[in-house]
Amino acid sequence: MQNNLFIILEKLWLIGAIAGIIFTVYFLIMKDNDSALFFFGFFILAGLLYTLRKGQRKKQEAFLEEKKKKGEN
């Protein structure tokens, strides 16, 4: 259950990072550098949070796997 929450949050931040890239490129094409800079910052933040969530999920999976192995012995 908790692992599913980590996966959902991870994917939401990935979608946010992709949206940040798309909007950054769009505003650069439209020559609106202030908006492009804002969305570039959003892209950096979303990418960082995606990476942190992914690492958190991997650690949680490893912990649960280790706990499962200890329970079988």
Protein backbone atom coordinates (compact mmCIF):
# COMPACT_ATOMS: atom_id res chain seq x y z
CA MET A 1 0.00 0.00 0.00
CA GLN A 2 2.68 2.49 1.02
CA ASN A 3 4.84 1.46 -1.94
CA ASN A 4 1.97 2.38 -4.29
CA LEU A 5 1.87 5.85 -2.75
CA PHE A 6 5.60 6.27 -3.40
CA ILE A 7 5.12 5.20 -7.02
CA ILE A 8 2.19 7.60 -7.52
CA LEU A 9 4.09 10.55 -6.03
CA GLU A 10 7.17 9.66 -8.06
CA LYS A 11 5.17 9.65 -11.30
CA LEU A 12 3.44 12.94 -10.42
CA TRP A 13 6.81 14.66 -10.00
CA LEU A 14 8.02 13.12 -13.27
CA ILE A 15 4.94 14.50 -15.04
CA GLY A 16 5.60 17.87 -13.41
CA ALA A 17 9.20 17.85 -14.63
CA ILE A 18 8.10 17.00 -18.17
CA ALA A 19 5.50 19.78 -18.06
CA GLY A 20 8.21 22.17 -16.83
CA ILE A 21 10.38 21.34 -19.84
CA ILE A 22 7.49 21.75 -22.27
CA PHE A 23 6.44 25.13 -20.84
CA THR A 24 10.05 26.33 -20.71
CA VAL A 25 10.52 25.58 -24.40
CA TYR A 26 7.15 27.13 -25.26
CA PHE A 27 7.91 30.38 -23.45
CA LEU A 28 11.40 30.54 -24.96
CA ILE A 29 9.84 30.24 -28.43
CA MET A 30 7.37 33.01 -27.51
CA LYS A 31 10.32 35.15 -26.31
CA ASP A 32 8.88 35.40 -22.75
CA ASN A 33 12.12 34.83 -20.85
CA ASP A 34 10.66 35.59 -17.39
CA SER A 35 8.03 32.86 -17.69
CA ALA A 36 10.58 30.50 -19.22
CA LEU A 37 12.89 31.07 -16.25
CA PHE A 38 10.03 30.39 -13.81
CA PHE A 39 9.17 27.09 -15.50
CA PHE A 40 12.84 26.16 -15.74
CA GLY A 41 13.04 26.59 -11.96
CA PHE A 42 9.90 24.47 -11.64
CA PHE A 43 11.53 21.82 -13.85
CA ILE A 44 14.64 21.77 -11.62
CA LEU A 45 12.53 21.49 -8.46
CA ALA A 46 10.27 18.77 -9.89
CA GLY A 47 13.26 16.84 -11.23
CA LEU A 48 14.97 16.99 -7.85
CA LEU A 49 11.86 15.84 -6.02
CA TYR A 50 11.36 13.04 -8.56
CA THR A 51 14.91 11.85 -7.91
CA LEU A 52 14.43 12.01 -4.14
CA ARG A 53 11.11 10.12 -4.31
CA LYS A 54 12.65 7.46 -6.54
CA GLY A 55 15.51 6.98 -4.09
CA GLN A 56 13.06 6.83 -1.20
CA ARG A 57 10.99 4.18 -3.00
CA LYS A 58 14.08 2.08 -3.78
CA LYS A 59 15.20 2.21 -0.14
CA GLN A 60 11.71 1.26 1.03
CA GLU A 61 11.60 -1.69 -1.39
CA ALA A 62 15.03 -2.87 -0.22
CA PHE A 63 13.95 -2.56 3.42
CA LEU A 64 10.76 -4.53 2.82
CA GLU A 65 12.65 -7.20 0.89
CA GLU A 66 15.20 -7.53 3.70
CA LYS A 67 12.41 -7.70 6.27
CA LYS A 68 10.68 -10.38 4.22
CA LYS A 69 13.89 -12.44 4.01
CA LYS A 70 14.41 -12.22 7.76
CA GLY A 71 10.82 -13.28 8.35
CA GLU A 72 11.28 -16.43 6.26
CA ASN A 73 14.28 -17.62 8.28
